[in-house]
Amino acid sequence: MLKEFLLLRISIRGEITFDYSTTMDEDDWGMDCQCGSKSCRGRIRDFKYLPPDIQKKYLDLGIVPEYISKNFQKEFAVKEKLAHPHQ
């Protein structure tokens, strides 16, 4: 089941956006985005192709489905441990 979360309050006439990459694990599909948003990356692709800081942000927010997050949570835990071995 897909759960959707709002990260910000939406004002009247406010714009709602959705990052499709948070739900994609296709390996062979992508498309150019034509939304025109200033913050758009311009391409919709799998979660694994997002910049690592965006992946971490979405994982920390808990908005990535388990079928995708299970692989990335482990990867980030290992990277964090290597970056801070004495913690």
PDB file of N, CA and C in Angstrom:
ATOM      1  N   MET A   1       0.842  -1.175   0.000  1.00  0.00           N
ATOM      2  CA  MET A   1       0.000   0.000   0.000  1.00  0.00           C
ATOM      3  C   MET A   1       0.887   1.239   0.000  1.00  0.00           C
ATOM      4  N   LEU A   2       0.597   2.166  -0.847  1.00  0.00           N
ATOM      5  CA  LEU A   2       1.351   3.412  -0.946  1.00  0.00           C
ATOM      6  C   LEU A   2       0.741   4.426   0.003  1.00  0.00           C
ATOM      7  N   LYS A   3       1.577   4.979   0.880  1.00  0.00           N
ATOM      8  CA  LYS A   3       1.134   6.045   1.762  1.00  0.00           C
ATOM      9  C   LYS A   3       1.695   7.338   1.226  1.00  0.00           C
ATOM     10  N   GLU A   4       0.915   8.399   1.300  1.00  0.00           N
ATOM     11  CA  GLU A   4       1.386   9.697   0.841  1.00  0.00           C
ATOM     12  C   GLU A   4       1.460  10.626   2.039  1.00  0.00           C
ATOM     13  N   PHE A   5       2.495  11.447   2.083  1.00  0.00           N
ATOM     14  CA  PHE A   5       2.728  12.366   3.178  1.00  0.00           C
ATOM     15  C   PHE A   5       2.902  13.768   2.632  1.00  0.00           C
ATOM     16  N   LEU A   6       2.418  14.731   3.373  1.00  0.00           N
ATOM     17  CA  LEU A   6       2.674  16.122   3.027  1.00  0.00           C
ATOM     18  C   LEU A   6       3.856  16.585   3.853  1.00  0.00           C
ATOM     19  N   LEU A   7       4.837  17.180   3.210  1.00  0.00           N
ATOM     20  CA  LEU A   7       6.019  17.656   3.912  1.00  0.00           C
ATOM     21  C   LEU A   7       5.896  19.125   4.315  1.00  0.00           C
ATOM     22  N   LEU A   8       4.945  19.818   3.706  1.00  0.00           N
ATOM     23  CA  LEU A   8       4.733  21.237   3.984  1.00  0.00           C
ATOM     24  C   LEU A   8       3.245  21.522   4.030  1.00  0.00           C
ATOM     25  N   ARG A   9       2.877  22.610   4.671  1.00  0.00           N
ATOM     26  CA  ARG A   9       1.489  23.074   4.607  1.00  0.00           C
ATOM     27  C   ARG A   9       1.221  23.597   3.208  1.00  0.00           C
ATOM     28  N   ILE A  10       0.055  23.343   2.721  1.00  0.00           N
ATOM     29  CA  ILE A  10      -0.308  23.814   1.385  1.00  0.00           C
ATOM     30  C   ILE A  10      -1.278  24.985   1.536  1.00  0.00           C
ATOM     31  N   SER A  11      -0.904  26.106   0.981  1.00  0.00           N
ATOM     32  CA  SER A  11      -1.758  27.284   1.054  1.00  0.00           C
ATOM     33  C   SER A  11      -2.808  27.232  -0.054  1.00  0.00           C
ATOM     34  N   ILE A  12      -3.804  28.077   0.086  1.00  0.00           N
ATOM     35  CA  ILE A  12      -4.807  28.199  -0.977  1.00  0.00           C
ATOM     36  C   ILE A  12      -4.078  28.603  -2.243  1.00  0.00           C
ATOM     37  N   ARG A  13      -4.393  27.959  -3.333  1.00  0.00           N
ATOM     38  CA  ARG A  13      -3.733  28.134  -4.630  1.00  0.00           C
ATOM     39  C   ARG A  13      -2.284  27.640  -4.626  1.00  0.00           C
ATOM     40  N   GLY A  14      -1.930  26.912  -3.580  1.00  0.00           N
ATOM     41  CA  GLY A  14      -0.586  26.355  -3.518  1.00  0.00           C
ATOM     42  C   GLY A  14      -0.444  25.189  -4.485  1.00  0.00           C
ATOM     43  N   GLU A  15       0.779  24.853  -4.786  1.00  0.00           N
ATOM     44  CA  GLU A  15       1.057  23.791  -5.743  1.00  0.00           C
ATOM     45  C   GLU A  15       1.434  22.509  -4.995  1.00  0.00           C
ATOM     46  N   ILE A  16       0.886  21.398  -5.444  1.00  0.00           N
ATOM     47  CA  ILE A  16       1.223  20.098  -4.884  1.00  0.00           C
ATOM     48  C   ILE A  16       2.125  19.385  -5.883  1.00  0.00           C
ATOM     49  N   THR A  17       3.250  18.877  -5.382  1.00  0.00           N
ATOM     50  CA  THR A  17       4.152  18.129  -6.253  1.00  0.00           C
ATOM     51  C   THR A  17       4.381  16.744  -5.664  1.00  0.00           C
ATOM     52  N   PHE A  18       4.800  15.828  -6.496  1.00  0.00           N
ATOM     53  CA  PHE A  18       5.072  14.459  -6.080  1.00  0.00           C
ATOM     54  C   PHE A  18       6.327  13.998  -6.796  1.00  0.00           C
ATOM     55  N   ASP A  19       7.273  13.470  -6.048  1.00  0.00           N
ATOM     56  CA  ASP A  19       8.508  12.978  -6.650  1.00  0.00           C
ATOM     57  C   ASP A  19       8.306  11.495  -6.985  1.00  0.00           C
ATOM     58  N   TYR A  20       8.001  11.220  -8.236  1.00  0.00           N
ATOM     59  CA  TYR A  20       7.735   9.848  -8.673  1.00  0.00           C
ATOM     60  C   TYR A  20       8.917   8.918  -8.437  1.00  0.00           C
ATOM     61  N   SER A  21      10.109   9.473  -8.360  1.00  0.00           N
ATOM     62  CA  SER A  21      11.293   8.636  -8.142  1.00  0.00           C
ATOM     63  C   SER A  21      11.270   7.946  -6.785  1.00  0.00           C
ATOM     64  N   THR A  22      10.452   8.437  -5.851  1.00  0.00           N
ATOM     65  CA  THR A  22      10.380   7.780  -4.537  1.00  0.00           C
ATOM     66  C   THR A  22       9.679   6.425  -4.626  1.00  0.00           C
ATOM     67  N   THR A  23       8.990   6.173  -5.713  1.00  0.00           N
ATOM     68  CA  THR A  23       8.247   4.904  -5.837  1.00  0.00           C
ATOM     69  C   THR A  23       8.735   4.040  -6.992  1.00  0.00           C
ATOM     70  N   MET A  24       9.814   4.448  -7.639  1.00  0.00           N
ATOM     71  CA  MET A  24      10.249   3.740  -8.846  1.00  0.00           C
ATOM     72  C   MET A  24      11.452   2.840  -8.598  1.00  0.00           C
ATOM     73  N   ASP A  25      11.336   1.615  -9.068  1.00  0.00           N
ATOM     74  CA  ASP A  25      12.415   0.630  -9.006  1.00  0.00           C
ATOM     75  C   ASP A  25      12.315  -0.227 -10.263  1.00  0.00           C
ATOM     76  N   GLU A  26      12.428   0.414 -11.404  1.00  0.00           N
ATOM     77  CA  GLU A  26      12.155  -0.219 -12.696  1.00  0.00           C
ATOM     78  C   GLU A  26      13.393  -0.705 -13.450  1.00  0.00           C
ATOM     79  N   ASP A  27      14.500  -0.016 -13.294  1.00  0.00           N
ATOM     80  CA  ASP A  27      15.763  -0.288 -13.969  1.00  0.00           C
ATOM     81  C   ASP A  27      15.812   0.092 -15.441  1.00  0.00           C
ATOM     82  N   ASP A  28      14.708   0.153 -16.113  1.00  0.00           N
ATOM     83  CA  ASP A  28      14.779   0.389 -17.552  1.00  0.00           C
ATOM     84  C   ASP A  28      13.785   1.427 -18.052  1.00  0.00           C
ATOM     85  N   TRP A  29      13.340   2.298 -17.169  1.00  0.00           N
ATOM     86  CA  TRP A  29      12.357   3.286 -17.592  1.00  0.00           C
ATOM     87  C   TRP A  29      12.715   4.650 -17.031  1.00  0.00           C
ATOM     88  N   GLY A  30      12.477   5.672 -17.790  1.00  0.00           N
ATOM     89  CA  GLY A  30      12.653   7.045 -17.363  1.00  0.00           C
ATOM     90  C   GLY A  30      11.971   7.948 -18.362  1.00  0.00           C
ATOM     91  N   MET A  31      11.750   9.178 -17.956  1.00  0.00           N
ATOM     92  CA  MET A  31      11.156  10.129 -18.886  1.00  0.00           C
ATOM     93  C   MET A  31      11.560  11.539 -18.506  1.00  0.00           C
ATOM     94  N   ASP A  32      11.593  12.410 -19.492  1.00  0.00           N
ATOM     95  CA  ASP A  32      11.856  13.813 -19.237  1.00  0.00           C
ATOM     96  C   ASP A  32      10.619  14.432 -18.616  1.00  0.00           C
ATOM     97  N   CYS A  33      10.833  15.277 -17.623  1.00  0.00           N
ATOM     98  CA  CYS A  33       9.717  15.953 -16.964  1.00  0.00           C
ATOM     99  C   CYS A  33       9.517  17.323 -17.590  1.00  0.00           C
ATOM    100  N   GLN A  34       8.285  17.696 -17.763  1.00  0.00           N
ATOM    101  CA  GLN A  34       7.941  18.980 -18.376  1.00  0.00           C
ATOM    102  C   GLN A  34       7.188  19.892 -17.408  1.00  0.00           C
ATOM    103  N   CYS A  35       7.338  19.632 -16.096  1.00  0.00           N
ATOM    104  CA  CYS A  35       6.537  20.379 -15.120  1.00  0.00           C
ATOM    105  C   CYS A  35       6.903  21.857 -15.035  1.00  0.00           C
ATOM    106  N   GLY A  36       8.153  22.187 -15.306  1.00  0.00           N
ATOM    107  CA  GLY A  36       8.579  23.583 -15.283  1.00  0.00           C
ATOM    108  C   GLY A  36       8.922  24.126 -13.902  1.00  0.00           C
ATOM    109  N   SER A  37       8.875  23.302 -12.883  1.00  0.00           N
ATOM    110  CA  SER A  37       9.216  23.753 -11.529  1.00  0.00           C
ATOM    111  C   SER A  37      10.702  24.096 -11.444  1.00  0.00           C
ATOM    112  N   LYS A  38      11.031  25.137 -10.678  1.00  0.00           N
ATOM    113  CA  LYS A  38      12.428  25.536 -10.497  1.00  0.00           C
ATOM    114  C   LYS A  38      13.251  24.434  -9.828  1.00  0.00           C
ATOM    115  N   SER A  39      12.613  23.637  -8.985  1.00  0.00           N
ATOM    116  CA  SER A  39      13.340  22.603  -8.247  1.00  0.00           C
ATOM    117  C   SER A  39      13.320  21.241  -8.944  1.00  0.00           C
ATOM    118  N   CYS A  40      12.751  21.163 -10.130  1.00  0.00           N
ATOM    119  CA  CYS A  40      12.668  19.897 -10.857  1.00  0.00           C
ATOM    120  C   CYS A  40      14.046  19.455 -11.344  1.00  0.00           C
ATOM    121  N   ARG A  41      14.318  18.167 -11.249  1.00  0.00           N
ATOM    122  CA  ARG A  41      15.575  17.613 -11.756  1.00  0.00           C
ATOM    123  C   ARG A  41      15.535  17.418 -13.271  1.00  0.00           C
ATOM    124  N   GLY A  42      14.335  17.488 -13.876  1.00  0.00           N
ATOM    125  CA  GLY A  42      14.204  17.395 -15.326  1.00  0.00           C
ATOM    126  C   GLY A  42      14.073  15.981 -15.861  1.00  0.00           C
ATOM    127  N   ARG A  43      14.264  14.986 -15.020  1.00  0.00           N
ATOM    128  CA  ARG A  43      14.205  13.589 -15.469  1.00  0.00           C
ATOM    129  C   ARG A  43      13.593  12.747 -14.362  1.00  0.00           C
ATOM    130  N   ILE A  44      12.652  11.898 -14.706  1.00  0.00           N
ATOM    131  CA  ILE A  44      12.047  10.960 -13.765  1.00  0.00           C
ATOM    132  C   ILE A  44      12.688   9.610 -13.992  1.00  0.00           C
ATOM    133  N   ARG A  45      13.335   9.096 -12.954  1.00  0.00           N
ATOM    134  CA  ARG A  45      14.022   7.803 -13.026  1.00  0.00           C
ATOM    135  C   ARG A  45      13.890   7.090 -11.684  1.00  0.00           C
ATOM    136  N   ASP A  46      14.501   5.932 -11.582  1.00  0.00           N
ATOM    137  CA  ASP A  46      14.459   5.145 -10.353  1.00  0.00           C
ATOM    138  C   ASP A  46      15.075   5.891  -9.168  1.00  0.00           C
ATOM    139  N   PHE A  47      14.632   5.509  -7.983  1.00  0.00           N
ATOM    140  CA  PHE A  47      15.134   6.067  -6.734  1.00  0.00           C
ATOM    141  C   PHE A  47      16.656   5.989  -6.660  1.00  0.00           C
ATOM    142  N   LYS A  48      17.220   4.904  -7.138  1.00  0.00           N
ATOM    143  CA  LYS A  48      18.676   4.715  -7.023  1.00  0.00           C
ATOM    144  C   LYS A  48      19.471   5.752  -7.805  1.00  0.00           C
ATOM    145  N   TYR A  49      18.844   6.445  -8.737  1.00  0.00           N
ATOM    146  CA  TYR A  49      19.534   7.470  -9.514  1.00  0.00           C
ATOM    147  C   TYR A  49      19.424   8.871  -8.903  1.00  0.00           C
ATOM    148  N   LEU A  50      18.668   9.006  -7.824  1.00  0.00           N
ATOM    149  CA  LEU A  50      18.592  10.295  -7.145  1.00  0.00           C
ATOM    150  C   LEU A  50      19.941  10.612  -6.503  1.00  0.00           C
ATOM    151  N   PRO A  51      20.270  11.886  -6.344  1.00  0.00           N
ATOM    152  CA  PRO A  51      21.506  12.228  -5.633  1.00  0.00           C
ATOM    153  C   PRO A  51      21.464  11.644  -4.211  1.00  0.00           C
ATOM    154  N   PRO A  52      22.590  11.172  -3.692  1.00  0.00           N
ATOM    155  CA  PRO A  52      22.612  10.539  -2.362  1.00  0.00           C
ATOM    156  C   PRO A  52      22.001  11.390  -1.248  1.00  0.00           C
ATOM    157  N   ASP A  53      22.195  12.711  -1.287  1.00  0.00           N
ATOM    158  CA  ASP A  53      21.617  13.547  -0.227  1.00  0.00           C
ATOM    159  C   ASP A  53      20.089  13.554  -0.294  1.00  0.00           C
ATOM    160  N   ILE A  54      19.532  13.483  -1.486  1.00  0.00           N
ATOM    161  CA  ILE A  54      18.069  13.416  -1.644  1.00  0.00           C
ATOM    162  C   ILE A  54      17.567  12.045  -1.188  1.00  0.00           C
ATOM    163  N   GLN A  55      18.267  10.983  -1.574  1.00  0.00           N
ATOM    164  CA  GLN A  55      17.899   9.639  -1.116  1.00  0.00           C
ATOM    165  C   GLN A  55      17.840   9.601   0.412  1.00  0.00           C
ATOM    166  N   LYS A  56      18.884  10.096   1.046  1.00  0.00           N
ATOM    167  CA  LYS A  56      18.946  10.070   2.513  1.00  0.00           C
ATOM    168  C   LYS A  56      17.809  10.880   3.122  1.00  0.00           C
ATOM    169  N   LYS A  57      17.550  12.054   2.574  1.00  0.00           N
ATOM    170  CA  LYS A  57      16.459  12.901   3.082  1.00  0.00           C
ATOM    171  C   LYS A  57      15.126  12.150   3.014  1.00  0.00           C
ATOM    172  N   TYR A  58      14.827  11.553   1.864  1.00  0.00           N
ATOM    173  CA  TYR A  58      13.559  10.844   1.708  1.00  0.00           C
ATOM    174  C   TYR A  58      13.489   9.612   2.609  1.00  0.00           C
ATOM    175  N   LEU A  59      14.600   8.903   2.750  1.00  0.00           N
ATOM    176  CA  LEU A  59      14.625   7.744   3.642  1.00  0.00           C
ATOM    177  C   LEU A  59      14.416   8.168   5.091  1.00  0.00           C
ATOM    178  N   ASP A  60      15.084   9.234   5.512  1.00  0.00           N
ATOM    179  CA  ASP A  60      14.929   9.733   6.884  1.00  0.00           C
ATOM    180  C   ASP A  60      13.503  10.196   7.155  1.00  0.00           C
ATOM    181  N   LEU A  61      12.839  10.734   6.137  1.00  0.00           N
ATOM    182  CA  LEU A  61      11.449  11.168   6.286  1.00  0.00           C
ATOM    183  C   LEU A  61      10.472   9.986   6.302  1.00  0.00           C
ATOM    184  N   GLY A  62      10.946   8.815   5.893  1.00  0.00           N
ATOM    185  CA  GLY A  62      10.088   7.625   5.882  1.00  0.00           C
ATOM    186  C   GLY A  62       9.068   7.617   4.758  1.00  0.00           C
ATOM    187  N   ILE A  63       9.380   8.285   3.642  1.00  0.00           N
ATOM    188  CA  ILE A  63       8.405   8.382   2.553  1.00  0.00           C
ATOM    189  C   ILE A  63       8.718   7.454   1.380  1.00  0.00           C
ATOM    190  N   VAL A  64       9.718   6.599   1.550  1.00  0.00           N
ATOM    191  CA  VAL A  64      10.100   5.666   0.488  1.00  0.00           C
ATOM    192  C   VAL A  64       9.505   4.296   0.812  1.00  0.00           C
ATOM    193  N   PRO A  65       8.795   3.673  -0.132  1.00  0.00           N
ATOM    194  CA  PRO A  65       8.204   2.358   0.133  1.00  0.00           C
ATOM    195  C   PRO A  65       9.267   1.330   0.528  1.00  0.00           C
ATOM    196  N   GLU A  66       8.865   0.383   1.350  1.00  0.00           N
ATOM    197  CA  GLU A  66       9.796  -0.614   1.872  1.00  0.00           C
ATOM    198  C   GLU A  66      10.486  -1.412   0.767  1.00  0.00           C
ATOM    199  N   TYR A  67       9.794  -1.691  -0.326  1.00  0.00           N
ATOM    200  CA  TYR A  67      10.409  -2.481  -1.390  1.00  0.00           C
ATOM    201  C   TYR A  67      11.624  -1.768  -1.995  1.00  0.00           C
ATOM    202  N   ILE A  68      11.727  -0.473  -1.798  1.00  0.00           N
ATOM    203  CA  ILE A  68      12.897   0.280  -2.236  1.00  0.00           C
ATOM    204  C   ILE A  68      13.821   0.566  -1.050  1.00  0.00           C
ATOM    205  N   SER A  69      13.261   1.009   0.057  1.00  0.00           N
ATOM    206  CA  SER A  69      14.069   1.475   1.183  1.00  0.00           C
ATOM    207  C   SER A  69      14.907   0.392   1.843  1.00  0.00           C
ATOM    208  N   LYS A  70      14.454  -0.858   1.813  1.00  0.00           N
ATOM    209  CA  LYS A  70      15.188  -1.920   2.511  1.00  0.00           C
ATOM    210  C   LYS A  70      16.636  -2.035   2.022  1.00  0.00           C
ATOM    211  N   ASN A  71      16.877  -1.838   0.753  1.00  0.00           N
ATOM    212  CA  ASN A  71      18.231  -1.918   0.215  1.00  0.00           C
ATOM    213  C   ASN A  71      19.053  -0.679   0.559  1.00  0.00           C
ATOM    214  N   PHE A  72      18.432   0.477   0.543  1.00  0.00           N
ATOM    215  CA  PHE A  72      19.165   1.725   0.748  1.00  0.00           C
ATOM    216  C   PHE A  72      19.448   2.005   2.211  1.00  0.00           C
ATOM    217  N   GLN A  73      18.578   1.600   3.112  1.00  0.00           N
ATOM    218  CA  GLN A  73      18.825   1.814   4.541  1.00  0.00           C
ATOM    219  C   GLN A  73      20.108   1.105   4.957  1.00  0.00           C
ATOM    220  N   LYS A  74      20.298  -0.123   4.480  1.00  0.00           N
ATOM    221  CA  LYS A  74      21.514  -0.881   4.790  1.00  0.00           C
ATOM    222  C   LYS A  74      22.744  -0.176   4.234  1.00  0.00           C
ATOM    223  N   GLU A  75      22.649   0.279   3.005  1.00  0.00           N
ATOM    224  CA  GLU A  75      23.776   0.944   2.342  1.00  0.00           C
ATOM    225  C   GLU A  75      24.179   2.212   3.093  1.00  0.00           C
ATOM    226  N   PHE A  76      23.200   3.033   3.495  1.00  0.00           N
ATOM    227  CA  PHE A  76      23.515   4.265   4.213  1.00  0.00           C
ATOM    228  C   PHE A  76      24.071   3.977   5.601  1.00  0.00           C
ATOM    229  N   ALA A  77      23.604   2.925   6.256  1.00  0.00           N
ATOM    230  CA  ALA A  77      24.128   2.564   7.572  1.00  0.00           C
ATOM    231  C   ALA A  77      25.601   2.192   7.476  1.00  0.00           C
ATOM    232  N   VAL A  78      25.956   1.435   6.464  1.00  0.00           N
ATOM    233  CA  VAL A  78      27.363   1.038   6.267  1.00  0.00           C
ATOM    234  C   VAL A  78      28.213   2.263   5.963  1.00  0.00           C
ATOM    235  N   LYS A  79      27.759   3.136   5.077  1.00  0.00           N
ATOM    236  CA  LYS A  79      28.507   4.349   4.730  1.00  0.00           C
ATOM    237  C   LYS A  79      28.693   5.239   5.958  1.00  0.00           C
ATOM    238  N   GLU A  80      27.655   5.371   6.773  1.00  0.00           N
ATOM    239  CA  GLU A  80      27.720   6.197   7.978  1.00  0.00           C
ATOM    240  C   GLU A  80      28.726   5.625   8.969  1.00  0.00           C
ATOM    241  N   LYS A  81      28.720   4.322   9.107  1.00  0.00           N
ATOM    242  CA  LYS A  81      29.653   3.661  10.027  1.00  0.00           C
ATOM    243  C   LYS A  81      31.100   3.847   9.550  1.00  0.00           C
ATOM    244  N   LEU A  82      31.323   3.739   8.261  1.00  0.00           N
ATOM    245  CA  LEU A  82      32.672   3.937   7.712  1.00  0.00           C
ATOM    246  C   LEU A  82      33.129   5.387   7.864  1.00  0.00           C
ATOM    247  N   ALA A  83      32.203   6.319   7.727  1.00  0.00           N
ATOM    248  CA  ALA A  83      32.543   7.739   7.848  1.00  0.00           C
ATOM    249  C   ALA A  83      32.819   8.157   9.290  1.00  0.00           C
ATOM    250  N   HIS A  84      32.200   7.450  10.243  1.00  0.00           N
ATOM    251  CA  HIS A  84      32.357   7.785  11.672  1.00  0.00           C
ATOM    252  C   HIS A  84      32.619   6.508  12.466  1.00  0.00           C
ATOM    253  N   PRO A  85      33.802   5.919  12.320  1.00  0.00           N
ATOM    254  CA  PRO A  85      34.090   4.603  12.920  1.00  0.00           C
ATOM    255  C   PRO A  85      34.130   4.590  14.451  1.00  0.00           C
ATOM    256  N   HIS A  86      34.302   5.717  15.106  1.00  0.00           N
ATOM    257  CA  HIS A  86      34.439   5.732  16.564  1.00  0.00           C
ATOM    258  C   HIS A  86      33.158   6.169  17.272  1.00  0.00           C
ATOM    259  N   GLN A  87      32.058   6.153  16.589  1.00  0.00           N
ATOM    260  CA  GLN A  87      30.795   6.551  17.229  1.00  0.00           C
ATOM    261  C   GLN A  87      30.006   5.335  17.633  1.00  0.00           C
TER     262      GLN A  87
END
